[in-house]
Amino acid sequence: MTTLLAAAPPALPHTDSDIRLLIAVLLSIGAIVLLITRLKLHPFLALTLGSGLLAAVAGAPFDKLLGSFSTGFGATVAGVGLLIGLGAMLGKLLADSGGANIIADTVLARSGPKALPWAMALIAAVLGLPLFFEVGVVLLIPIVLLVARRGNVPLMRIGIPALAGLSVLHGLVPPHPGPLVAVDALNADLGITLALGLLIAVPTLVVAGPLFARVAERWVGPLEVPENTAPAGTAERPEHTPSFGAVLATILLPVVLMLGKALADVVVDDPKALPQRVFDFIGSPLIALLAATLLGMVTLGRAAGFDRNRISDTVGKSLGPIAGIVFIVGAGGGFKQTLIDVGVGNAVSEWSARWHISALLLGWLIAVLIRLATGSATVATITAAGIVAPLAADMSSTHAALLVLAIGAGSLFFSHVNDAGFWLVKEYFGMSVGQTLKSWSVMETVISVVAIALIMPLSLII
């Protein structure tokens, strides 16, 4: 943010209030960065303390500090936490039932050697819809290693498309936590965001996946396929497995329902009409994901031979690992509300107008800077969305959705040593730090740059 402000000296805040708010924002974000990166404090605690510092430096009354943070925390968890929980349940059913392996086996069985990178990108994109990035990596790594070993294919050639597919979906497409938080913060339409996210994700994945894989292969050089890096805890395949069609239908159901709502909003455009009221209900994120989760209990759980107790146990176990994510997202919501209540959002709106900087580009730049500093895509998305939220107030639903995507794209920029995903990829693929920077880190940067390069002209057309 310092670099961004320094680029336009005449537009710097000129009142004592503006200067105080600017100092408050820089100090609070700097504190969050230091607490996470240097002191290794959990992001939930770092965001909570950063919110307190922001309000104190900005001169907010102490009694209102707790109210702002609590309001933002509660609203965010209520709006996003339920969706994250349902997504985790669906992902756990997909993993434990063997459904993920069915998708992978079916696509790979119909792919020749030249089509393998494209097949891996497709598998990752399909699995990336309901699965969190880390879960997707855990499921895909054994498949990538197995295919590379059996087919004598360079590891980078199929590994990069798989990672790109998961990362693109994670950053750009709801119902992943980052896009969901941004949608909630900016009051964007989830269906439109989903549709535009998929539109941007496809060409971005093509460039950052199969095409960049050949470049990464030359930069990194030949890699031996690791023998002992299959992720711990990978579930064994059950004796019975669901069919490919059932798995695919379950994964795509929430996407179809939410896209149907967005289409009905455009075609019918009458809130009182019965068809639109029906689509507004079944296409709401909560109902769409709830329907997919309930369907998955039958099409995935029962088809794998799970009894009621096993299905209940599977669903219950899915919630433990996401508790941290929900608290981080909630604290991010509290930080966002504190930013708004102390007046930072309105100040940013005024500064943006004086700088003549596109709101989309501003959101992307802020997310990039926070991503580089903290290493967390979720923290970058939450913070950037909170800072630029007022800019979305007068936007059309389409441009608000594009702002969500711009922030999501910025949150993926150049993963490096302060990002847990960096080390996850490094260890599973048996690479050095330098090799990981040349492959994974550059791939993340390609995703971020290609996505914003597509978003900016799209905002002029739509």
Protein backbone atom coordinates (compact mmCIF):
# COMPACT_ATOMS: atom_id res chain seq x y z
CA MET A 1 0.00 0.00 0.00
CA THR A 2 2.93 2.34 0.71
CA THR A 3 4.14 1.88 -2.87
CA LEU A 4 0.69 2.60 -4.23
CA LEU A 5 0.34 5.81 -2.24
CA ALA A 6 3.84 6.97 -3.11
CA ALA A 7 3.08 6.67 -6.82
CA ALA A 8 0.73 9.65 -6.68
CA PRO A 9 2.09 12.36 -4.33
CA PRO A 10 -0.45 15.04 -5.29
CA ALA A 11 -3.31 12.75 -4.30
CA LEU A 12 -2.14 11.99 -0.79
CA PRO A 13 -4.71 12.66 1.94
CA HIS A 14 -4.57 16.29 2.85
CA THR A 15 -6.57 16.60 6.06
CA ASP A 16 -5.50 15.64 9.56
CA SER A 17 -8.34 13.11 9.65
CA ASP A 18 -7.23 11.49 6.38
CA ILE A 19 -3.63 11.31 7.54
CA ARG A 20 -4.66 9.74 10.84
CA LEU A 21 -6.78 7.13 9.05
CA LEU A 22 -3.92 6.35 6.67
CA ILE A 23 -1.53 5.86 9.59
CA ALA A 24 -4.12 3.69 11.36
CA VAL A 25 -4.53 1.44 8.30
CA LEU A 26 -0.79 1.08 7.70
CA LEU A 27 -0.03 0.37 11.36
CA SER A 28 -2.85 -2.16 11.75
CA ILE A 29 -1.98 -4.06 8.55
CA GLY A 30 1.72 -3.90 9.45
CA ALA A 31 0.93 -5.29 12.90
CA ILE A 32 -1.12 -8.13 11.39
CA VAL A 33 1.72 -8.95 9.01
CA LEU A 34 4.34 -8.98 11.78
CA LEU A 35 2.19 -11.00 14.16
CA ILE A 36 1.56 -13.66 11.51
CA THR A 37 4.99 -13.81 9.88
CA ARG A 38 7.42 -13.01 12.71
CA LEU A 39 5.65 -14.05 15.89
CA LYS A 40 3.78 -16.92 14.17
CA LEU A 41 0.55 -15.85 15.84
CA HIS A 42 -2.62 -17.47 14.56
CA PRO A 43 -4.32 -15.22 11.95
CA PHE A 44 -7.51 -15.12 14.06
CA LEU A 45 -5.65 -13.52 16.97
CA ALA A 46 -3.60 -11.31 14.64
CA LEU A 47 -6.71 -9.94 12.93
CA THR A 48 -8.41 -9.38 16.29
CA LEU A 49 -5.45 -7.45 17.70
CA GLY A 50 -5.05 -5.56 14.41
CA SER A 51 -8.68 -4.44 14.62
CA GLY A 52 -8.09 -3.08 18.11
CA LEU A 53 -4.97 -1.21 17.00
CA LEU A 54 -6.81 0.22 13.98
CA ALA A 55 -9.65 1.58 16.12
CA ALA A 56 -7.30 2.96 18.79
CA VAL A 57 -5.05 4.84 16.35
CA ALA A 58 -8.06 6.11 14.39
CA GLY A 59 -9.46 7.55 17.61
CA ALA A 60 -12.60 5.39 17.85
CA PRO A 61 -14.29 5.29 21.28
CA PHE A 62 -13.29 2.18 23.18
CA ASP A 63 -16.90 1.16 23.84
CA LYS A 64 -17.64 1.13 20.10
CA LEU A 65 -14.56 -0.95 19.25
CA LEU A 66 -15.99 -4.16 20.64
CA GLY A 67 -19.34 -3.51 18.98
CA SER A 68 -17.83 -3.00 15.52
CA PHE A 69 -15.68 -6.11 15.71
CA SER A 70 -18.45 -8.29 17.15
CA THR A 71 -20.97 -7.10 14.57
CA GLY A 72 -18.60 -7.81 11.70
CA PHE A 73 -17.57 -11.17 13.12
CA GLY A 74 -21.14 -12.32 13.66
CA ALA A 75 -22.43 -11.12 10.29
CA THR A 76 -19.56 -12.77 8.41
CA VAL A 77 -19.82 -16.10 10.20
CA ALA A 78 -23.59 -16.10 9.72
CA GLY A 79 -23.27 -15.34 6.03
CA VAL A 80 -20.20 -17.40 5.17
CA GLY A 81 -19.60 -19.91 7.98
CA LEU A 82 -22.64 -22.04 7.13
CA LEU A 83 -21.54 -22.26 3.49
CA ILE A 84 -17.99 -23.23 4.43
CA GLY A 85 -19.37 -25.94 6.72
CA LEU A 86 -21.65 -27.39 4.03
CA GLY A 87 -18.81 -27.27 1.51
CA ALA A 88 -16.58 -29.17 3.92
CA MET A 89 -19.27 -31.84 4.43
CA LEU A 90 -19.66 -32.33 0.69
CA GLY A 91 -15.90 -32.48 0.22
CA LYS A 92 -15.48 -35.07 2.98
CA LEU A 93 -18.21 -37.27 1.47
CA LEU A 94 -16.51 -36.96 -1.92
CA ALA A 95 -13.14 -37.96 -0.48
CA ASP A 96 -14.21 -40.83 1.80
CA SER A 97 -16.61 -42.42 -0.70
CA GLY A 98 -13.93 -42.72 -3.37
CA GLY A 99 -15.80 -40.27 -5.58
CA ALA A 100 -12.69 -38.17 -6.20
CA ASN A 101 -10.81 -41.22 -7.42
CA ILE A 102 -13.70 -42.17 -9.70
CA ILE A 103 -13.54 -38.77 -11.40
CA ALA A 104 -9.77 -39.06 -11.80
CA ASP A 105 -9.78 -42.65 -13.06
CA THR A 106 -12.54 -42.03 -15.59
CA VAL A 107 -10.92 -38.96 -17.13
CA LEU A 108 -7.40 -40.43 -17.16
CA ALA A 109 -8.58 -43.69 -18.74
CA ARG A 110 -9.80 -41.73 -21.76
CA SER A 111 -6.73 -39.53 -22.16
CA GLY A 112 -3.69 -40.18 -24.31
CA PRO A 113 -0.15 -39.08 -23.33
CA LYS A 114 -0.46 -35.69 -25.07
CA ALA A 115 -3.80 -35.00 -23.45
CA LEU A 116 -2.65 -35.86 -19.90
CA PRO A 117 -1.85 -32.25 -18.85
CA TRP A 118 -5.27 -31.13 -20.04
CA ALA A 119 -6.90 -34.09 -18.33
CA MET A 120 -5.19 -33.26 -15.03
CA ALA A 121 -6.32 -29.64 -15.31
CA LEU A 122 -9.89 -30.83 -15.92
CA ILE A 123 -9.81 -33.21 -12.95
CA ALA A 124 -8.44 -30.50 -10.67
CA ALA A 125 -11.06 -28.00 -11.84
CA VAL A 126 -13.94 -30.43 -11.25
CA LEU A 127 -12.64 -31.50 -7.85
CA GLY A 128 -11.77 -27.90 -7.03
CA LEU A 129 -15.42 -26.83 -7.13
CA PRO A 130 -16.41 -28.43 -3.78
CA LEU A 131 -13.01 -29.05 -2.18
CA PHE A 132 -10.75 -26.65 -0.27
CA PHE A 133 -7.32 -26.21 -1.84
CA GLU A 134 -5.44 -28.20 0.79
CA VAL A 135 -7.92 -31.11 0.60
CA GLY A 136 -7.71 -31.08 -3.19
CA VAL A 137 -3.92 -31.25 -3.04
CA VAL A 138 -4.05 -34.19 -0.64
CA LEU A 139 -6.40 -36.05 -2.98
CA LEU A 140 -4.63 -35.19 -6.23
CA ILE A 141 -0.97 -35.66 -5.27
CA PRO A 142 -1.13 -39.49 -5.22
CA ILE A 143 -2.91 -39.44 -8.60
CA VAL A 144 -0.32 -37.08 -10.11
CA LEU A 145 2.59 -39.17 -8.82
CA LEU A 146 0.98 -42.41 -9.99
CA VAL A 147 0.32 -41.08 -13.50
CA ALA A 148 3.85 -39.63 -13.78
CA ARG A 149 5.38 -42.92 -12.65
CA ARG A 150 3.25 -45.24 -14.80
CA GLY A 151 3.20 -43.09 -17.92
CA ASN A 152 6.84 -41.97 -17.67
CA VAL A 153 5.62 -38.37 -17.95
CA PRO A 154 7.65 -35.43 -16.54
CA LEU A 155 6.24 -34.52 -13.15
CA MET A 156 5.99 -30.80 -13.90
CA ARG A 157 4.01 -31.43 -17.09
CA ILE A 158 1.05 -32.86 -15.19
CA GLY A 159 1.70 -31.47 -11.71
CA ILE A 160 1.42 -27.80 -12.69
CA PRO A 161 -1.97 -28.22 -14.46
CA ALA A 162 -3.32 -30.04 -11.40
CA LEU A 163 -2.14 -27.33 -9.01
CA ALA A 164 -3.35 -24.58 -11.34
CA GLY A 165 -6.82 -26.11 -11.54
CA LEU A 166 -7.15 -26.17 -7.77
CA SER A 167 -5.67 -22.71 -7.24
CA VAL A 168 -7.76 -20.95 -9.91
CA LEU A 169 -10.99 -22.36 -8.48
CA HIS A 170 -9.85 -21.54 -4.93
CA GLY A 171 -9.24 -17.89 -5.70
CA LEU A 172 -11.96 -17.05 -8.21
CA VAL A 173 -14.98 -19.30 -7.83
CA PRO A 174 -17.49 -19.52 -4.96
CA PRO A 175 -18.21 -21.39 -2.72
CA HIS A 176 -14.55 -21.20 -1.69
CA PRO A 177 -13.96 -19.09 1.46
CA GLY A 178 -12.09 -16.22 -0.21
CA PRO A 179 -14.64 -15.42 -2.93
CA LEU A 180 -17.50 -15.97 -0.47
CA VAL A 181 -16.06 -13.45 1.98
CA ALA A 182 -15.54 -10.91 -0.80
CA VAL A 183 -19.08 -11.46 -2.11
CA ASP A 184 -20.44 -10.87 1.39
CA ALA A 185 -18.27 -7.79 2.04
CA LEU A 186 -19.10 -6.15 -1.28
CA ASN A 187 -22.77 -7.20 -1.36
CA ALA A 188 -22.18 -8.78 -4.75
CA ASP A 189 -24.57 -11.24 -6.39
CA LEU A 190 -23.24 -14.76 -5.83
CA GLY A 191 -24.74 -16.22 -9.00
CA ILE A 192 -23.26 -13.52 -11.23
CA THR A 193 -19.91 -13.83 -9.44
CA LEU A 194 -19.98 -17.60 -9.99
CA ALA A 195 -20.79 -17.22 -13.69
CA LEU A 196 -18.12 -14.58 -14.31
CA GLY A 197 -15.66 -16.49 -12.13
CA LEU A 198 -16.03 -19.58 -14.30
CA LEU A 199 -15.72 -17.41 -17.43
CA ILE A 200 -12.42 -15.96 -16.20
CA ALA A 201 -11.21 -19.25 -14.69
CA VAL A 202 -11.24 -21.28 -17.91
CA PRO A 203 -8.74 -19.23 -20.00
CA THR A 204 -6.69 -18.50 -16.87
CA LEU A 205 -6.38 -22.22 -16.19
CA VAL A 206 -5.41 -22.93 -19.81
CA VAL A 207 -2.54 -20.41 -19.66
CA ALA A 208 -1.32 -21.12 -16.12
CA GLY A 209 -1.86 -24.89 -16.37
CA PRO A 210 -1.01 -26.92 -19.50
CA LEU A 211 0.71 -24.04 -21.33
CA PHE A 212 2.89 -22.81 -18.46
CA ALA A 213 3.66 -26.41 -17.46
CA ARG A 214 6.01 -26.78 -20.43
CA VAL A 215 7.86 -23.62 -19.42
CA ALA A 216 8.11 -24.78 -15.79
CA GLU A 217 9.36 -28.15 -16.99
CA ARG A 218 12.32 -26.46 -18.73
CA TRP A 219 13.04 -24.09 -15.83
CA VAL A 220 12.95 -26.74 -13.11
CA GLY A 221 14.58 -29.55 -15.08
CA PRO A 222 13.93 -33.27 -14.68
CA LEU A 223 12.46 -34.34 -11.37
CA GLU A 224 12.43 -37.82 -9.94
CA VAL A 225 8.97 -38.93 -8.89
CA PRO A 226 9.07 -39.10 -5.07
CA GLU A 227 8.36 -42.54 -3.68
CA ASN A 228 7.24 -41.65 -0.19
CA THR A 229 5.35 -38.39 -0.49
CA ALA A 230 1.80 -39.71 -0.69
CA PRO A 231 -0.05 -37.52 1.80
CA ALA A 232 -0.72 -39.07 5.14
CA GLY A 233 -4.30 -39.82 5.89
CA THR A 234 -5.37 -40.44 2.30
CA ALA A 235 -8.46 -42.57 2.62
CA GLU A 236 -8.44 -46.11 1.25
CA ARG A 237 -10.96 -46.80 -1.46
CA PRO A 238 -14.13 -48.39 -0.13
CA GLU A 239 -15.23 -51.75 -1.49
CA HIS A 240 -18.16 -50.12 -3.31
CA THR A 241 -17.85 -46.79 -5.09
CA PRO A 242 -20.39 -44.38 -6.59
CA SER A 243 -20.78 -44.06 -10.35
CA PHE A 244 -19.03 -41.36 -12.34
CA GLY A 245 -22.35 -39.79 -13.37
CA ALA A 246 -23.63 -39.65 -9.79
CA VAL A 247 -20.42 -38.04 -8.53
CA LEU A 248 -20.37 -35.45 -11.31
CA ALA A 249 -24.07 -34.62 -10.83
CA THR A 250 -23.58 -34.13 -7.09
CA ILE A 251 -20.56 -31.83 -7.57
CA LEU A 252 -22.25 -29.73 -10.23
CA LEU A 253 -25.69 -29.45 -8.55
CA PRO A 254 -24.95 -26.30 -6.49
CA VAL A 255 -23.24 -24.69 -9.47
CA VAL A 256 -26.25 -25.36 -11.71
CA LEU A 257 -28.72 -24.08 -9.10
CA MET A 258 -26.81 -20.86 -8.46
CA LEU A 259 -26.29 -20.23 -12.17
CA GLY A 260 -30.01 -20.90 -12.70
CA LYS A 261 -30.86 -18.18 -10.19
CA ALA A 262 -28.53 -15.71 -11.95
CA LEU A 263 -30.10 -16.57 -15.32
CA ALA A 264 -33.64 -16.19 -13.95
CA ASP A 265 -32.72 -12.76 -12.57
CA VAL A 266 -31.77 -11.68 -16.09
CA VAL A 267 -34.49 -13.43 -18.13
CA VAL A 268 -37.51 -13.09 -15.83
CA ASP A 269 -36.48 -9.93 -13.95
CA ASP A 270 -39.69 -9.85 -11.90
CA PRO A 271 -39.26 -10.50 -8.15
CA LYS A 272 -42.97 -11.30 -7.79
CA ALA A 273 -43.08 -13.86 -10.60
CA LEU A 274 -43.33 -17.47 -9.39
CA PRO A 275 -40.43 -18.82 -11.54
CA GLN A 276 -38.04 -16.20 -10.21
CA ARG A 277 -39.19 -16.73 -6.62
CA VAL A 278 -38.56 -20.46 -7.03
CA PHE A 279 -35.09 -19.91 -8.51
CA ASP A 280 -34.27 -17.29 -5.88
CA PHE A 281 -34.96 -19.93 -3.22
CA ILE A 282 -33.31 -23.01 -4.70
CA GLY A 283 -30.45 -20.97 -6.13
CA SER A 284 -29.53 -19.27 -2.88
CA PRO A 285 -26.08 -20.47 -1.77
CA LEU A 286 -27.31 -22.03 1.47
CA ILE A 287 -30.10 -24.05 -0.19
CA ALA A 288 -27.93 -25.04 -3.17
CA LEU A 289 -25.12 -26.38 -0.99
CA LEU A 290 -27.53 -27.96 1.47
CA ALA A 291 -29.26 -29.78 -1.40
CA ALA A 292 -25.92 -31.01 -2.76
CA THR A 293 -24.81 -32.20 0.68
CA LEU A 294 -28.06 -34.10 1.29
CA LEU A 295 -27.87 -35.58 -2.20
CA GLY A 296 -24.25 -36.54 -1.58
CA MET A 297 -25.25 -38.58 1.46
CA VAL A 298 -27.18 -40.82 -0.93
CA THR A 299 -25.23 -40.65 -4.20
CA LEU A 300 -21.82 -40.77 -2.51
CA GLY A 301 -22.25 -42.16 1.02
CA ARG A 302 -24.92 -44.81 0.45
CA ALA A 303 -23.45 -45.76 -2.92
CA ALA A 304 -20.13 -46.47 -1.19
CA GLY A 305 -21.89 -48.81 1.22
CA PHE A 306 -21.87 -46.44 4.20
CA ASP A 307 -24.57 -47.00 6.78
CA ARG A 308 -26.28 -44.12 8.57
CA ASN A 309 -23.75 -44.07 11.39
CA ARG A 310 -20.81 -43.98 8.96
CA ILE A 311 -22.38 -41.13 6.98
CA SER A 312 -23.07 -39.18 10.17
CA ASP A 313 -19.51 -39.79 11.35
CA THR A 314 -18.07 -38.66 8.01
CA VAL A 315 -20.12 -35.46 8.01
CA GLY A 316 -19.22 -34.76 11.65
CA LYS A 317 -15.49 -35.20 11.09
CA SER A 318 -15.55 -32.66 8.26
CA LEU A 319 -16.28 -29.79 10.62
CA GLY A 320 -13.23 -30.07 12.89
CA PRO A 321 -10.55 -29.08 10.35
CA ILE A 322 -12.49 -26.00 9.17
CA ALA A 323 -12.98 -24.45 12.61
CA GLY A 324 -9.79 -22.43 12.17
CA ILE A 325 -10.90 -21.21 8.74
CA VAL A 326 -14.27 -20.07 10.07
CA PHE A 327 -12.65 -18.13 12.93
CA ILE A 328 -10.14 -16.50 10.58
CA VAL A 329 -12.93 -15.51 8.20
CA GLY A 330 -15.00 -14.20 11.12
CA ALA A 331 -12.11 -12.14 12.50
CA GLY A 332 -11.56 -10.81 8.99
CA GLY A 333 -15.19 -9.72 8.98
CA GLY A 334 -14.65 -7.96 12.29
CA PHE A 335 -11.59 -6.19 10.90
CA LYS A 336 -13.56 -5.19 7.79
CA GLN A 337 -16.39 -3.72 9.89
CA THR A 338 -13.89 -1.82 12.02
CA LEU A 339 -12.34 -0.38 8.84
CA ILE A 340 -15.77 0.78 7.72
CA ASP A 341 -16.88 2.18 11.08
CA VAL A 342 -13.76 4.30 11.61
CA GLY A 343 -14.24 5.83 8.15
CA VAL A 344 -11.44 4.16 6.19
CA GLY A 345 -13.81 2.99 3.47
CA ASN A 346 -15.12 6.47 2.73
CA ALA A 347 -11.59 7.85 2.73
CA VAL A 348 -10.47 5.22 0.23
CA SER A 349 -13.39 6.16 -2.01
CA GLU A 350 -12.24 9.79 -1.99
CA TRP A 351 -8.59 8.88 -2.54
CA SER A 352 -9.52 6.58 -5.43
CA ALA A 353 -11.46 9.38 -7.11
CA ARG A 354 -8.52 11.78 -6.74
CA TRP A 355 -6.02 9.20 -8.05
CA HIS A 356 -8.32 8.25 -10.96
CA ILE A 357 -7.48 4.59 -10.33
CA SER A 358 -9.93 1.89 -11.33
CA ALA A 359 -11.58 0.28 -8.31
CA LEU A 360 -10.84 -3.14 -9.84
CA LEU A 361 -7.13 -2.38 -10.19
CA LEU A 362 -7.02 -0.85 -6.71
CA GLY A 363 -8.61 -3.94 -5.17
CA TRP A 364 -6.16 -6.18 -7.02
CA LEU A 365 -3.11 -4.13 -5.93
CA ILE A 366 -4.13 -4.05 -2.28
CA ALA A 367 -4.73 -7.81 -2.29
CA VAL A 368 -1.34 -8.37 -3.97
CA LEU A 369 0.51 -6.34 -1.34
CA ILE A 370 -1.20 -8.09 1.58
CA ARG A 371 -0.68 -11.50 -0.04
CA LEU A 372 3.06 -10.82 -0.45
CA ALA A 373 3.31 -9.64 3.15
CA THR A 374 1.22 -12.28 4.95
CA GLY A 375 1.32 -15.25 2.58
CA SER A 376 -2.37 -15.86 3.19
CA ALA A 377 -4.80 -15.60 0.29
CA THR A 378 -7.73 -15.55 2.72
CA VAL A 379 -6.29 -12.70 4.81
CA ALA A 380 -5.47 -10.77 1.62
CA THR A 381 -9.02 -11.21 0.31
CA ILE A 382 -10.69 -10.28 3.60
CA THR A 383 -8.58 -7.17 4.17
CA ALA A 384 -8.70 -5.90 0.60
CA ALA A 385 -12.48 -6.43 0.41
CA GLY A 386 -12.95 -4.48 3.63
CA ILE A 387 -10.84 -1.57 2.41
CA VAL A 388 -12.53 -1.18 -0.99
CA ALA A 389 -16.06 -2.15 0.10
CA PRO A 390 -17.47 1.41 -0.18
CA LEU A 391 -16.35 1.55 -3.82
CA ALA A 392 -18.85 -1.21 -4.60
CA ALA A 393 -21.82 0.67 -3.13
CA ASP A 394 -22.73 2.41 -6.41
CA MET A 395 -21.57 -0.37 -8.73
CA SER A 396 -23.81 -2.51 -10.87
CA SER A 397 -24.13 -6.16 -9.83
CA THR A 398 -21.82 -7.15 -12.68
CA HIS A 399 -19.04 -4.75 -11.73
CA ALA A 400 -19.33 -5.65 -8.05
CA ALA A 401 -18.83 -9.29 -9.06
CA LEU A 402 -15.78 -8.31 -11.14
CA LEU A 403 -14.37 -6.46 -8.12
CA VAL A 404 -14.72 -9.69 -6.13
CA LEU A 405 -12.78 -11.51 -8.84
CA ALA A 406 -10.10 -8.80 -9.04
CA ILE A 407 -9.48 -9.10 -5.30
CA GLY A 408 -9.44 -12.91 -5.58
CA ALA A 409 -6.91 -12.70 -8.40
CA GLY A 410 -4.67 -10.41 -6.37
CA SER A 411 -4.82 -12.75 -3.39
CA LEU A 412 -3.08 -15.49 -5.42
CA PHE A 413 -0.05 -13.42 -6.47
CA PHE A 414 3.41 -15.01 -5.97
CA SER A 415 3.13 -17.53 -3.17
CA HIS A 416 6.51 -17.75 -1.43
CA VAL A 417 8.13 -18.91 1.80
CA ASN A 418 5.55 -17.31 4.12
CA ASP A 419 2.73 -19.33 2.55
CA ALA A 420 1.90 -22.80 3.87
CA GLY A 421 0.88 -23.86 0.36
CA PHE A 422 4.44 -23.20 -0.83
CA TRP A 423 5.87 -25.76 1.58
CA LEU A 424 3.04 -28.20 0.93
CA VAL A 425 3.88 -28.27 -2.80
CA LYS A 426 7.64 -28.30 -2.20
CA GLU A 427 7.58 -31.34 0.06
CA TYR A 428 5.04 -33.38 -1.89
CA PHE A 429 6.89 -32.90 -5.17
CA GLY A 430 10.33 -33.29 -3.64
CA MET A 431 11.61 -29.94 -4.97
CA SER A 432 14.16 -27.47 -3.64
CA VAL A 433 13.14 -23.97 -2.61
CA GLY A 434 14.52 -22.60 -5.88
CA GLN A 435 12.62 -25.14 -7.97
CA THR A 436 9.41 -24.39 -6.08
CA LEU A 437 9.84 -20.65 -6.72
CA LYS A 438 10.39 -21.28 -10.45
CA SER A 439 7.32 -23.50 -10.75
CA TRP A 440 4.64 -23.04 -8.09
CA SER A 441 5.35 -19.38 -7.24
CA VAL A 442 5.54 -18.27 -10.85
CA MET A 443 2.40 -20.29 -11.67
CA GLU A 444 0.48 -18.43 -8.94
CA THR A 445 1.72 -15.13 -10.38
CA VAL A 446 0.64 -16.14 -13.88
CA ILE A 447 -2.85 -16.94 -12.56
CA SER A 448 -3.08 -13.56 -10.83
CA VAL A 449 -1.83 -11.51 -13.78
CA VAL A 450 -3.80 -13.36 -16.47
CA ALA A 451 -6.99 -13.12 -14.41
CA ILE A 452 -6.74 -9.35 -13.87
CA ALA A 453 -5.75 -8.93 -17.53
CA LEU A 454 -9.04 -10.60 -18.48
CA ILE A 455 -11.13 -8.85 -15.82
CA MET A 456 -10.14 -5.29 -16.76
CA PRO A 457 -11.27 -5.36 -20.42
CA LEU A 458 -14.32 -7.43 -19.47
CA SER A 459 -15.40 -4.60 -17.18
CA LEU A 460 -15.42 -2.27 -20.21
CA ILE A 461 -17.47 -4.65 -22.34
CA ILE A 462 -20.16 -5.75 -19.89
